[in-house]
C-alpha cells in the first residue's frame, strides 16, 4: 500500500485541484492493480496513513536538505505543512466508498 500511496501522492502532488483528479486516478489505478494483485478493504483503508507518512517524510527531507527560501520547499510548506500540523488528510476521500466502487465488476 505504501508503493500505491506514493504513486498517487506524486501524481496529484501539486495539481491545483488534487481532490477532483485524485478519485478518478485512484479508481483507474486500482482497477488495473487488483487484476494482478487483490487488495483487501482493510489494506486499502491504510492509504490515508501512507499519504500522511509520505507528507512527513518529504517534509523532513526538505528540511534537512534545502533552504527555507528554496522555491520548491516554500511551495510544499505552503500547501502541506498545515495539513501535517493539524492532522488533516492529504486527500479528503471516502476510502470505504471508493473501495466498493473499485471492486465493482
Foldseek 3Di string as FASTA:
>chain_A
DLVLLVVLCVVLVPPPCSQVPSLVVSLVVLLVVCVPPNDDLVRQVCSQVSNLVVLVVVLVVCVVPHDCPDVVNVVSCVPRVVCNVVVHTPYDDPSNVSVVVNPDD
